[in-house]
C-alpha atoms as a PDB file:
ATOM      1  CA  UNK A   1     100.031 135.474  92.621  1.00  0.00           C
ATOM      2  CA  UNK A   2      97.765 133.431  89.769  1.00  0.00           C
ATOM      3  CA  UNK A   3      94.647 133.379  91.046  1.00  0.00           C
ATOM      4  CA  UNK A   4      93.791 129.687  89.847  1.00  0.00           C
ATOM      5  CA  UNK A   5      96.666 128.518  91.692  1.00  0.00           C
ATOM      6  CA  UNK A   6      95.362 130.475  94.639  1.00  0.00           C
ATOM      7  CA  UNK A   7      91.814 128.776  94.582  1.00  0.00           C
ATOM      8  CA  UNK A   8      93.472 125.679  94.277  1.00  0.00           C
ATOM      9  CA  UNK A   9      95.781 126.200  97.346  1.00  0.00           C
ATOM     10  CA  UNK A  10      92.797 127.305  99.431  1.00  0.00           C
ATOM     11  CA  UNK A  11      90.993 124.204  98.805  1.00  0.00           C
ATOM     12  CA  UNK A  12      94.235 121.965  99.461  1.00  0.00           C
ATOM     13  CA  UNK A  13      94.485 123.593 103.213  1.00  0.00           C
ATOM     14  CA  UNK A  14      90.311 123.451 103.404  1.00  0.00           C
ATOM     15  CA  UNK A  15      90.797 120.240 102.983  1.00  0.00           C
ATOM     16  CA  UNK A  16      94.224 119.722 105.284  1.00  0.00           C
ATOM     17  CA  UNK A  17      92.649 121.512 108.071  1.00  0.00           C
ATOM     18  CA  UNK A  18      90.257 118.983 108.023  1.00  0.00           C
ATOM     19  CA  UNK A  19      86.859 121.946 106.997  1.00  0.00           C
ATOM     20  CA  UNK A  20      83.258 121.145 105.655  1.00  0.00           C
ATOM     21  CA  UNK A  21      83.074 119.805 102.283  1.00  0.00           C
ATOM     22  CA  UNK A  22      81.401 122.185 101.084  1.00  0.00           C
ATOM     23  CA  UNK A  23      83.789 124.960 101.376  1.00  0.00           C
ATOM     24  CA  UNK A  24      86.111 122.860  99.898  1.00  0.00           C
ATOM     25  CA  UNK A  25      83.848 122.242  97.047  1.00  0.00           C
ATOM     26  CA  UNK A  26      82.808 126.154  96.716  1.00  0.00           C
ATOM     27  CA  UNK A  27      86.939 126.977  95.955  1.00  0.00           C
ATOM     28  CA  UNK A  28      87.286 123.859  93.795  1.00  0.00           C
ATOM     29  CA  UNK A  29      84.034 124.690  91.545  1.00  0.00           C
ATOM     30  CA  UNK A  30      85.548 128.328  91.455  1.00  0.00           C
ATOM     31  CA  UNK A  31      88.734 127.118  90.460  1.00  0.00           C
ATOM     32  CA  UNK A  32      87.171 125.357  87.191  1.00  0.00           C
ATOM     33  CA  UNK A  33      84.660 128.089  86.194  1.00  0.00           C
ATOM     34  CA  UNK A  34      88.079 130.403  86.010  1.00  0.00           C
ATOM     35  CA  UNK A  35      90.142 127.575  84.169  1.00  0.00           C
ATOM     36  CA  UNK A  36      87.700 128.118  81.565  1.00  0.00           C
ATOM     37  CA  UNK A  37      87.767 131.754  81.308  1.00  0.00           C
ATOM     38  CA  UNK A  38      89.586 133.316  78.399  1.00  0.00           C
ATOM     39  CA  UNK A  39      92.455 135.024  78.320  1.00  0.00           C
ATOM     40  CA  UNK A  40      92.458 138.229  80.006  1.00  0.00           C
ATOM     41  CA  UNK A  41      88.738 138.173  81.369  1.00  0.00           C
ATOM     42  CA  UNK A  42      89.602 138.164  85.116  1.00  0.00           C
ATOM     43  CA  UNK A  43      91.468 140.868  84.861  1.00  0.00           C
ATOM     44  CA  UNK A  44      89.005 142.669  83.427  1.00  0.00           C
ATOM     45  CA  UNK A  45      86.334 141.452  85.593  1.00  0.00           C
ATOM     46  CA  UNK A  46      88.854 142.275  88.841  1.00  0.00           C
ATOM     47  CA  UNK A  47      88.704 146.056  87.434  1.00  0.00           C
ATOM     48  CA  UNK A  48      85.456 145.893  87.297  1.00  0.00           C
ATOM     49  CA  UNK A  49      84.541 144.622  90.089  1.00  0.00           C
ATOM     50  CA  UNK A  50      82.365 141.761  88.130  1.00  0.00           C
ATOM     51  CA  UNK A  51      83.567 138.536  89.778  1.00  0.00           C
ATOM     52  CA  UNK A  52      80.508 137.377  91.314  1.00  0.00           C
ATOM     53  CA  UNK A  53      78.369 137.573  88.462  1.00  0.00           C
ATOM     54  CA  UNK A  54      80.254 134.155  86.799  1.00  0.00           C
ATOM     55  CA  UNK A  55      77.585 131.411  88.101  1.00  0.00           C
ATOM     56  CA  UNK A  56      80.258 129.421  91.101  1.00  0.00           C
ATOM     57  CA  UNK A  57      81.761 132.521  92.206  1.00  0.00           C
ATOM     58  CA  UNK A  58      80.945 133.933  95.220  1.00  0.00           C
ATOM     59  CA  UNK A  59      82.105 136.803  97.957  1.00  0.00           C
ATOM     60  CA  UNK A  60      84.949 134.225  99.378  1.00  0.00           C
ATOM     61  CA  UNK A  61      86.328 132.852  96.204  1.00  0.00           C
ATOM     62  CA  UNK A  62      85.995 136.574  94.398  1.00  0.00           C
ATOM     63  CA  UNK A  63      87.873 137.877  97.052  1.00  0.00           C
ATOM     64  CA  UNK A  64      91.130 135.258  96.746  1.00  0.00           C
ATOM     65  CA  UNK A  65      90.869 135.989  93.122  1.00  0.00           C
ATOM     66  CA  UNK A  66      90.615 140.070  93.672  1.00  0.00           C
ATOM     67  CA  UNK A  67      93.865 139.336  96.142  1.00  0.00           C
ATOM     68  CA  UNK A  68      95.749 136.992  93.855  1.00  0.00           C
ATOM     69  CA  UNK A  69      95.479 139.407  91.190  1.00  0.00           C
ATOM     70  CA  UNK A  70      96.802 141.828  93.264  1.00  0.00           C
ATOM     71  CA  UNK A  71      99.888 140.298  94.465  1.00  0.00           C
ATOM     72  CA  UNK A  72      97.844 139.929  98.135  1.00  0.00           C
ATOM     73  CA  UNK A  73      98.319 136.641  99.604  1.00  0.00           C
ATOM     74  CA  UNK A  74      94.389 135.870 100.138  1.00  0.00           C
ATOM     75  CA  UNK A  75      93.374 135.840 104.104  1.00  0.00           C
ATOM     76  CA  UNK A  76      92.184 131.733 103.696  1.00  0.00           C
ATOM     77  CA  UNK A  77      95.518 131.136 102.987  1.00  0.00           C
ATOM     78  CA  UNK A  78      97.030 132.148 106.124  1.00  0.00           C
ATOM     79  CA  UNK A  79      94.373 131.340 108.573  1.00  0.00           C
ATOM     80  CA  UNK A  80      94.677 127.806 107.092  1.00  0.00           C
ATOM     81  CA  UNK A  81      98.173 127.415 106.819  1.00  0.00           C
ATOM     82  CA  UNK A  82      99.735 126.120 110.022  1.00  0.00           C
ATOM     83  CA  UNK A  83     103.107 124.463 110.559  1.00  0.00           C
ATOM     84  CA  UNK A  84     103.119 121.115 111.922  1.00  0.00           C
ATOM     85  CA  UNK A  85     106.042 121.251 114.567  1.00  0.00           C
ATOM     86  CA  UNK A  86     107.459 117.154 114.451  1.00  0.00           C
ATOM     87  CA  UNK A  87     107.926 114.969 112.428  1.00  0.00           C
ATOM     88  CA  UNK A  88     109.773 116.805 109.830  1.00  0.00           C
ATOM     89  CA  UNK A  89     112.881 114.754 109.675  1.00  0.00           C
ATOM     90  CA  UNK A  90     111.193 111.650 109.088  1.00  0.00           C
ATOM     91  CA  UNK A  91     108.497 113.271 106.477  1.00  0.00           C
ATOM     92  CA  UNK A  92     111.316 114.452 104.331  1.00  0.00           C
ATOM     93  CA  UNK A  93     112.905 111.064 103.513  1.00  0.00           C
ATOM     94  CA  UNK A  94     108.866 109.890 102.793  1.00  0.00           C
ATOM     95  CA  UNK A  95     109.043 109.239  98.835  1.00  0.00           C
ATOM     96  CA  UNK A  96     105.214 108.108  99.194  1.00  0.00           C
ATOM     97  CA  UNK A  97     101.948 106.939 100.320  1.00  0.00           C
ATOM     98  CA  UNK A  98     100.508 103.727 100.919  1.00  0.00           C
ATOM     99  CA  UNK A  99      97.196 103.960 101.399  1.00  0.00           C
ATOM    100  CA  UNK A 100      94.705 106.915  99.196  1.00  0.00           C
ATOM    101  CA  UNK A 101      91.419 106.786  97.909  1.00  0.00           C
ATOM    102  CA  UNK A 102      89.796 108.216  94.828  1.00  0.00           C
ATOM    103  CA  UNK A 103      86.224 108.999  93.942  1.00  0.00           C
ATOM    104  CA  UNK A 104      86.626 105.356  92.234  1.00  0.00           C
ATOM    105  CA  UNK A 105      85.268 104.520  96.293  1.00  0.00           C
ATOM    106  CA  UNK A 106      84.744 107.147  99.079  1.00  0.00           C
ATOM    107  CA  UNK A 107      87.394 109.532  97.682  1.00  0.00           C
ATOM    108  CA  UNK A 108      85.875 112.721  96.504  1.00  0.00           C
ATOM    109  CA  UNK A 109      88.195 113.715  93.869  1.00  0.00           C
ATOM    110  CA  UNK A 110      89.342 112.105  90.444  1.00  0.00           C
ATOM    111  CA  UNK A 111      92.818 109.459  90.450  1.00  0.00           C
ATOM    112  CA  UNK A 112      94.897 112.195  88.620  1.00  0.00           C
ATOM    113  CA  UNK A 113      94.087 114.735  90.637  1.00  0.00           C
ATOM    114  CA  UNK A 114      95.167 112.906  93.884  1.00  0.00           C
ATOM    115  CA  UNK A 115      98.471 111.495  91.698  1.00  0.00           C
ATOM    116  CA  UNK A 116      99.374 115.640  90.880  1.00  0.00           C
ATOM    117  CA  UNK A 117      99.081 116.137  93.984  1.00  0.00           C
ATOM    118  CA  UNK A 118     100.825 114.338  95.687  1.00  0.00           C
ATOM    119  CA  UNK A 119     103.853 114.426  93.210  1.00  0.00           C
ATOM    120  CA  UNK A 120     103.545 118.235  93.807  1.00  0.00           C
ATOM    121  CA  UNK A 121     104.454 117.400  97.603  1.00  0.00           C
ATOM    122  CA  UNK A 122     107.641 115.476  96.173  1.00  0.00           C
ATOM    123  CA  UNK A 123     106.697 112.308  95.945  1.00  0.00           C
ATOM    124  CA  UNK A 124     107.697 110.202  93.732  1.00  0.00           C
ATOM    125  CA  UNK A 125     104.782 107.609  93.608  1.00  0.00           C
ATOM    126  CA  UNK A 126     101.559 107.048  95.404  1.00  0.00           C
ATOM    127  CA  UNK A 127     100.054 103.843  96.129  1.00  0.00           C
ATOM    128  CA  UNK A 128      96.118 104.039  94.706  1.00  0.00           C
ATOM    129  CA  UNK A 129      93.917 101.791  97.636  1.00  0.00           C
ATOM    130  CA  UNK A 130      90.329 101.953  97.057  1.00  0.00           C
ATOM    131  CA  UNK A 131      88.066  99.831  99.127  1.00  0.00           C
ATOM    132  CA  UNK A 132      86.857  96.138  98.128  1.00  0.00           C
ATOM    133  CA  UNK A 133      83.161  95.482  97.327  1.00  0.00           C
ATOM    134  CA  UNK A 134      82.061  94.027 100.477  1.00  0.00           C
ATOM    135  CA  UNK A 135      82.401  97.974 102.226  1.00  0.00           C
ATOM    136  CA  UNK A 136      79.272  98.883 100.107  1.00  0.00           C
ATOM    137  CA  UNK A 137      78.607 102.145 101.699  1.00  0.00           C
ATOM    138  CA  UNK A 138      82.352 103.470 100.197  1.00  0.00           C
ATOM    139  CA  UNK A 139      81.456 102.011  97.061  1.00  0.00           C
ATOM    140  CA  UNK A 140      84.236  99.534  97.180  1.00  0.00           C
ATOM    141  CA  UNK A 141      85.309  97.960  93.929  1.00  0.00           C
ATOM    142  CA  UNK A 142      84.228  95.008  92.817  1.00  0.00           C
ATOM    143  CA  UNK A 143      86.499  92.778  90.812  1.00  0.00           C
ATOM    144  CA  UNK A 144      85.525  94.121  87.425  1.00  0.00           C
ATOM    145  CA  UNK A 145      85.844  97.702  88.516  1.00  0.00           C
ATOM    146  CA  UNK A 146      89.226  97.198  90.058  1.00  0.00           C
ATOM    147  CA  UNK A 147      89.908  95.648  86.693  1.00  0.00           C
ATOM    148  CA  UNK A 148      89.149  98.526  85.103  1.00  0.00           C
ATOM    149  CA  UNK A 149      90.509 100.261  87.424  1.00  0.00           C
ATOM    150  CA  UNK A 150      94.310  98.704  86.515  1.00  0.00           C
ATOM    151  CA  UNK A 151      93.633  99.975  83.055  1.00  0.00           C
ATOM    152  CA  UNK A 152      93.305 103.550  84.617  1.00  0.00           C
ATOM    153  CA  UNK A 153      96.045 103.699  86.242  1.00  0.00           C
ATOM    154  CA  UNK A 154      98.122 102.318  83.418  1.00  0.00           C
ATOM    155  CA  UNK A 155      96.872 105.121  81.098  1.00  0.00           C
ATOM    156  CA  UNK A 156      98.060 108.123  83.821  1.00  0.00           C
ATOM    157  CA  UNK A 157     101.481 106.594  84.260  1.00  0.00           C
ATOM    158  CA  UNK A 158     101.987 106.963  80.473  1.00  0.00           C
ATOM    159  CA  UNK A 159     101.238 110.081  80.762  1.00  0.00           C
ATOM    160  CA  UNK A 160     102.683 110.972  84.619  1.00  0.00           C
ATOM    161  CA  UNK A 161     106.283 109.616  84.582  1.00  0.00           C
ATOM    162  CA  UNK A 162     108.380 109.703  85.883  1.00  0.00           C
ATOM    163  CA  UNK A 163     105.901 110.215  89.160  1.00  0.00           C
ATOM    164  CA  UNK A 164     104.363 106.716  89.978  1.00  0.00           C
ATOM    165  CA  UNK A 165     100.472 105.081  90.589  1.00  0.00           C
ATOM    166  CA  UNK A 166     100.651 101.656  92.007  1.00  0.00           C
ATOM    167  CA  UNK A 167      98.169  99.766  92.083  1.00  0.00           C
ATOM    168  CA  UNK A 168      96.457  98.729  95.372  1.00  0.00           C
ATOM    169  CA  UNK A 169      93.465  97.969  97.450  1.00  0.00           C
ATOM    170  CA  UNK A 170      92.360  98.639 100.724  1.00  0.00           C
ATOM    171  CA  UNK A 171      91.135  95.173 101.009  1.00  0.00           C
ATOM    172  CA  UNK A 172      88.231  94.531 104.022  1.00  0.00           C
ATOM    173  CA  UNK A 173      89.413  91.597 106.222  1.00  0.00           C
ATOM    174  CA  UNK A 174      86.588  89.400 106.518  1.00  0.00           C
ATOM    175  CA  UNK A 175      85.103  87.859 109.773  1.00  0.00           C
ATOM    176  CA  UNK A 176      87.479  85.325 109.644  1.00  0.00           C
ATOM    177  CA  UNK A 177      90.589  86.317 108.744  1.00  0.00           C
ATOM    178  CA  UNK A 178      90.092  85.610 104.660  1.00  0.00           C
ATOM    179  CA  UNK A 179      90.344  88.795 102.327  1.00  0.00           C
ATOM    180  CA  UNK A 180      87.293  90.434 100.315  1.00  0.00           C
ATOM    181  CA  UNK A 181      88.998  90.337  96.764  1.00  0.00           C
ATOM    182  CA  UNK A 182      89.643  87.097  94.218  1.00  0.00           C
ATOM    183  CA  UNK A 183      93.157  85.747  95.592  1.00  0.00           C
ATOM    184  CA  UNK A 184      94.599  85.983  92.186  1.00  0.00           C
ATOM    185  CA  UNK A 185      93.546  89.805  91.499  1.00  0.00           C
ATOM    186  CA  UNK A 186      95.264  90.999  94.407  1.00  0.00           C
ATOM    187  CA  UNK A 187      98.602  89.246  93.375  1.00  0.00           C
ATOM    188  CA  UNK A 188      98.306  91.144  90.646  1.00  0.00           C
ATOM    189  CA  UNK A 189      98.733  94.587  92.711  1.00  0.00           C
ATOM    190  CA  UNK A 190     102.059  96.407  93.524  1.00  0.00           C
ATOM    191  CA  UNK A 191     100.334  96.477  97.497  1.00  0.00           C
ATOM    192  CA  UNK A 192      97.676  95.610  99.572  1.00  0.00           C
ATOM    193  CA  UNK A 193      96.612  96.947 102.552  1.00  0.00           C
ATOM    194  CA  UNK A 194      94.086  94.938 104.652  1.00  0.00           C
ATOM    195  CA  UNK A 195      91.829  96.661 106.762  1.00  0.00           C
ATOM    196  CA  UNK A 196      88.712  95.685 109.494  1.00  0.00           C
ATOM    197  CA  UNK A 197      85.912  97.395 108.645  1.00  0.00           C
ATOM    198  CA  UNK A 198      83.289  95.791 110.646  1.00  0.00           C
ATOM    199  CA  UNK A 199      82.203  93.939 113.841  1.00  0.00           C
ATOM    200  CA  UNK A 200      84.822  95.881 115.548  1.00  0.00           C
ATOM    201  CA  UNK A 201      83.702  94.576 118.725  1.00  0.00           C
ATOM    202  CA  UNK A 202      84.447  91.291 117.994  1.00  0.00           C
ATOM    203  CA  UNK A 203      85.776  89.478 121.671  1.00  0.00           C
ATOM    204  CA  UNK A 204      89.181  89.362 121.694  1.00  0.00           C
ATOM    205  CA  UNK A 205      90.404  85.989 120.803  1.00  0.00           C
ATOM    206  CA  UNK A 206      88.251  86.246 117.638  1.00  0.00           C
ATOM    207  CA  UNK A 207      89.796  89.106 116.431  1.00  0.00           C
ATOM    208  CA  UNK A 208      92.880  88.094 117.215  1.00  0.00           C
ATOM    209  CA  UNK A 209      92.511  85.244 115.284  1.00  0.00           C
ATOM    210  CA  UNK A 210      91.285  87.403 112.612  1.00  0.00           C
ATOM    211  CA  UNK A 211      94.169  89.832 112.742  1.00  0.00           C
ATOM    212  CA  UNK A 212      96.933  87.694 112.305  1.00  0.00           C
ATOM    213  CA  UNK A 213      95.257  85.550 109.357  1.00  0.00           C
ATOM    214  CA  UNK A 214      95.711  88.673 107.519  1.00  0.00           C
ATOM    215  CA  UNK A 215      99.032  89.831 108.863  1.00  0.00           C
ATOM    216  CA  UNK A 216      99.752  86.155 108.081  1.00  0.00           C
ATOM    217  CA  UNK A 217      98.367  86.221 103.953  1.00  0.00           C
ATOM    218  CA  UNK A 218     100.936  86.120 101.479  1.00  0.00           C
ATOM    219  CA  UNK A 219      98.905  88.834  99.279  1.00  0.00           C
ATOM    220  CA  UNK A 220      98.817  91.478 101.968  1.00  0.00           C
ATOM    221  CA  UNK A 221     101.958  94.171 102.254  1.00  0.00           C
ATOM    222  CA  UNK A 222     100.654  96.224 105.192  1.00  0.00           C
ATOM    223  CA  UNK A 223      98.013  96.026 107.797  1.00  0.00           C
ATOM    224  CA  UNK A 224      95.528  99.318 108.594  1.00  0.00           C
ATOM    225  CA  UNK A 225      94.897 100.822 110.928  1.00  0.00           C
ATOM    226  CA  UNK A 226      94.577  98.227 113.139  1.00  0.00           C
ATOM    227  CA  UNK A 227      92.207  99.237 116.459  1.00  0.00           C
ATOM    228  CA  UNK A 228      89.980 101.089 114.097  1.00  0.00           C
ATOM    229  CA  UNK A 229      89.572 103.613 116.946  1.00  0.00           C
ATOM    230  CA  UNK A 230      88.247 107.421 115.888  1.00  0.00           C
ATOM    231  CA  UNK A 231      89.334 110.002 119.059  1.00  0.00           C
ATOM    232  CA  UNK A 232      87.209 112.978 117.416  1.00  0.00           C
ATOM    233  CA  UNK A 233      83.564 113.627 117.929  1.00  0.00           C
ATOM    234  CA  UNK A 234      81.663 110.948 119.534  1.00  0.00           C
ATOM    235  CA  UNK A 235      84.679 108.868 118.820  1.00  0.00           C
ATOM    236  CA  UNK A 236      85.570 105.337 118.570  1.00  0.00           C
ATOM    237  CA  UNK A 237      86.692 102.494 121.343  1.00  0.00           C
ATOM    238  CA  UNK A 238      89.569 100.695 120.309  1.00  0.00           C
ATOM    239  CA  UNK A 239      88.970  96.907 118.998  1.00  0.00           C
ATOM    240  CA  UNK A 240      90.499  94.704 121.652  1.00  0.00           C
ATOM    241  CA  UNK A 241      92.775  91.733 120.576  1.00  0.00           C
ATOM    242  CA  UNK A 242      96.728  90.603 122.110  1.00  0.00           C
ATOM    243  CA  UNK A 243      98.462  92.818 120.337  1.00  0.00           C
ATOM    244  CA  UNK A 244     101.751  91.159 121.172  1.00  0.00           C
ATOM    245  CA  UNK A 245     100.324  87.990 118.982  1.00  0.00           C
ATOM    246  CA  UNK A 246      99.181  90.161 115.831  1.00  0.00           C
ATOM    247  CA  UNK A 247     102.134  92.514 115.925  1.00  0.00           C
ATOM    248  CA  UNK A 248     104.281  89.225 115.909  1.00  0.00           C
ATOM    249  CA  UNK A 249     102.377  88.106 113.038  1.00  0.00           C
ATOM    250  CA  UNK A 250     103.344  91.369 110.835  1.00  0.00           C
ATOM    251  CA  UNK A 251     107.424  91.057 111.851  1.00  0.00           C
ATOM    252  CA  UNK A 252     107.047  87.006 110.770  1.00  0.00           C
ATOM    253  CA  UNK A 253     105.406  87.161 107.730  1.00  0.00           C
ATOM    254  CA  UNK A 254     107.273  90.653 106.862  1.00  0.00           C
ATOM    255  CA  UNK A 255     103.933  92.746 107.235  1.00  0.00           C
ATOM    256  CA  UNK A 256     104.284  96.570 107.885  1.00  0.00           C
ATOM    257  CA  UNK A 257     101.644  97.855 110.174  1.00  0.00           C
ATOM    258  CA  UNK A 258     100.348 101.182 109.408  1.00  0.00           C
ATOM    259  CA  UNK A 259     101.248 104.604 111.336  1.00  0.00           C
ATOM    260  CA  UNK A 260      97.608 106.089 109.865  1.00  0.00           C
ATOM    261  CA  UNK A 261      97.669 109.899 109.777  1.00  0.00           C
ATOM    262  CA  UNK A 262      94.336 110.903 109.837  1.00  0.00           C
ATOM    263  CA  UNK A 263      93.727 113.212 112.889  1.00  0.00           C
ATOM    264  CA  UNK A 264      90.273 111.401 113.900  1.00  0.00           C
ATOM    265  CA  UNK A 265      92.301 108.517 113.712  1.00  0.00           C
ATOM    266  CA  UNK A 266      96.006 108.680 115.671  1.00  0.00           C
ATOM    267  CA  UNK A 267      95.830 104.651 114.958  1.00  0.00           C
ATOM    268  CA  UNK A 268      97.877 102.545 116.321  1.00  0.00           C
ATOM    269  CA  UNK A 269      97.706 104.375 120.119  1.00  0.00           C
ATOM    270  CA  UNK A 270     100.791 105.399 120.687  1.00  0.00           C
ATOM    271  CA  UNK A 271     101.299 101.791 123.753  1.00  0.00           C
ATOM    272  CA  UNK A 272     100.925  99.753 120.896  1.00  0.00           C
ATOM    273  CA  UNK A 273     102.578 101.881 118.562  1.00  0.00           C
ATOM    274  CA  UNK A 274     105.790 101.325 120.734  1.00  0.00           C
ATOM    275  CA  UNK A 275     105.140  97.578 121.188  1.00  0.00           C
ATOM    276  CA  UNK A 276     105.323  96.678 117.590  1.00  0.00           C
ATOM    277  CA  UNK A 277     109.015  98.790 117.047  1.00  0.00           C
ATOM    278  CA  UNK A 278     109.872  96.512 120.116  1.00  0.00           C
ATOM    279  CA  UNK A 279     108.737  93.155 117.880  1.00  0.00           C
ATOM    280  CA  UNK A 280     110.588  94.320 114.999  1.00  0.00           C
ATOM    281  CA  UNK A 281     107.889  95.688 113.405  1.00  0.00           C
ATOM    282  CA  UNK A 282     108.416  97.459 109.698  1.00  0.00           C
ATOM    283  CA  UNK A 283     105.838  99.969 109.112  1.00  0.00           C
ATOM    284  CA  UNK A 284     104.238 102.642 106.756  1.00  0.00           C
ATOM    285  CA  UNK A 285     103.772 106.088 107.560  1.00  0.00           C
ATOM    286  CA  UNK A 286     100.589 106.837 105.397  1.00  0.00           C
ATOM    287  CA  UNK A 287      98.259 109.776 105.176  1.00  0.00           C
ATOM    288  CA  UNK A 288      94.703 107.417 104.604  1.00  0.00           C
ATOM    289  CA  UNK A 289      93.597 110.290 102.178  1.00  0.00           C
ATOM    290  CA  UNK A 290      90.140 110.823 101.036  1.00  0.00           C
ATOM    291  CA  UNK A 291      91.004 114.274  99.087  1.00  0.00           C
ATOM    292  CA  UNK A 292      94.273 115.911  98.013  1.00  0.00           C
ATOM    293  CA  UNK A 293      94.644 117.816 100.841  1.00  0.00           C
ATOM    294  CA  UNK A 294      94.697 114.843 103.160  1.00  0.00           C
ATOM    295  CA  UNK A 295      98.010 113.566 101.451  1.00  0.00           C
ATOM    296  CA  UNK A 296      99.580 116.288 103.528  1.00  0.00           C
ATOM    297  CA  UNK A 297      98.400 114.748 106.639  1.00  0.00           C
ATOM    298  CA  UNK A 298     101.299 112.771 106.409  1.00  0.00           C
ATOM    299  CA  UNK A 299     103.281 114.953 108.967  1.00  0.00           C
ATOM    300  CA  UNK A 300     101.341 113.853 111.588  1.00  0.00           C
ATOM    301  CA  UNK A 301     102.320 109.958 111.105  1.00  0.00           C
ATOM    302  CA  UNK A 302     106.012 111.400 111.346  1.00  0.00           C
ATOM    303  CA  UNK A 303     105.428 112.894 114.216  1.00  0.00           C
ATOM    304  CA  UNK A 304     103.906 110.571 116.478  1.00  0.00           C
ATOM    305  CA  UNK A 305     106.041 107.655 114.789  1.00  0.00           C
ATOM    306  CA  UNK A 306     108.909 109.659 116.191  1.00  0.00           C
ATOM    307  CA  UNK A 307     107.794 110.322 119.150  1.00  0.00           C
ATOM    308  CA  UNK A 308     107.821 106.417 119.698  1.00  0.00           C
ATOM    309  CA  UNK A 309     111.200 105.154 118.177  1.00  0.00           C
ATOM    310  CA  UNK A 310     110.149 104.411 114.643  1.00  0.00           C
ATOM    311  CA  UNK A 311     113.300 104.413 113.004  1.00  0.00           C
ATOM    312  CA  UNK A 312     113.743 105.587 109.113  1.00  0.00           C
ATOM    313  CA  UNK A 313     115.017 102.354 107.999  1.00  0.00           C
ATOM    314  CA  UNK A 314     111.916 100.946 109.300  1.00  0.00           C
ATOM    315  CA  UNK A 315     109.625 102.841 107.430  1.00  0.00           C
ATOM    316  CA  UNK A 316     108.591 101.162 103.488  1.00  0.00           C
ATOM    317  CA  UNK A 317     107.729 104.493 102.639  1.00  0.00           C
ATOM    318  CA  UNK A 318     110.713 105.744 102.470  1.00  0.00           C
ATOM    319  CA  UNK A 319     111.858 103.282  99.883  1.00  0.00           C
ATOM    320  CA  UNK A 320     111.835 104.187  96.081  1.00  0.00           C
ATOM    321  CA  UNK A 321     108.870 102.742  94.417  1.00  0.00           C
ATOM    322  CA  UNK A 322     111.164  99.480  93.034  1.00  0.00           C
ATOM    323  CA  UNK A 323     112.916  98.943  96.044  1.00  0.00           C
ATOM    324  CA  UNK A 324     109.494  98.999  97.590  1.00  0.00           C
ATOM    325  CA  UNK A 325     107.971  96.133  94.832  1.00  0.00           C
ATOM    326  CA  UNK A 326     111.668  94.179  95.291  1.00  0.00           C
ATOM    327  CA  UNK A 327     110.769  93.630  99.117  1.00  0.00           C
END
């Protein structure tokens, strides 16, 4: 087993398991150190027991390197690899992911690393959807930074082809239902996810008008984590709105309802997801990944989607990139 691959895979599994960021960074840092070593140096240090003399290599990371070099599966891998029991038939049909973040906003990894991980998971495309400027806590992208990102994506696409990074944004839904980015810039993007991140306790009539306006906006392709709820830790209650009105607007205007796969969100709740199915909505099963390992959270969303009656023909990320863009 390649020790460098093992370190990166442990980091991936730690991210997937929702472990603290500092633990993930320790393994990614160790991988960087290993990658910079000359040929044969790893084997020499394993034999001499001097791996921990290297800066950035601690007892845990050295153990993973030694196990891999000896052909043993590191205990970290067996400890954190957890099988997903449901949703696998739908998961196998997904060609891409409509909601991902990079270190351009509040993600933890560069665009290239996110794209290469998505490719290695078997995807043919992913949409890069960093935050819009109003979400300053997430380092949201100004118009100028978003334009700069488009150039970076074009360069990466030339290198990573046939894998494709689609241009996008997770744009904030403002209090009146308008969007937190210039319309002419939104029109240039391949896909727009619109989400509410503020005033989530707005009174139901106002929140309904806000969400309907976003769903009906011609620039919006996906309505993101619609209730804003959090179901772990201290949690956060659902936003209240007329779900039938909001999902009817999504169905009418061809805006997909996001099935957010993050374990702390599981949004929308089952009862609302079933209602969206009944009202004829299409869906995007998204990871909302902020780190490479989180890209594999799509299985969680697929499991919930299958349980609630979402069929593959209504999931937009079962499409190839050209088909998605032609919708």
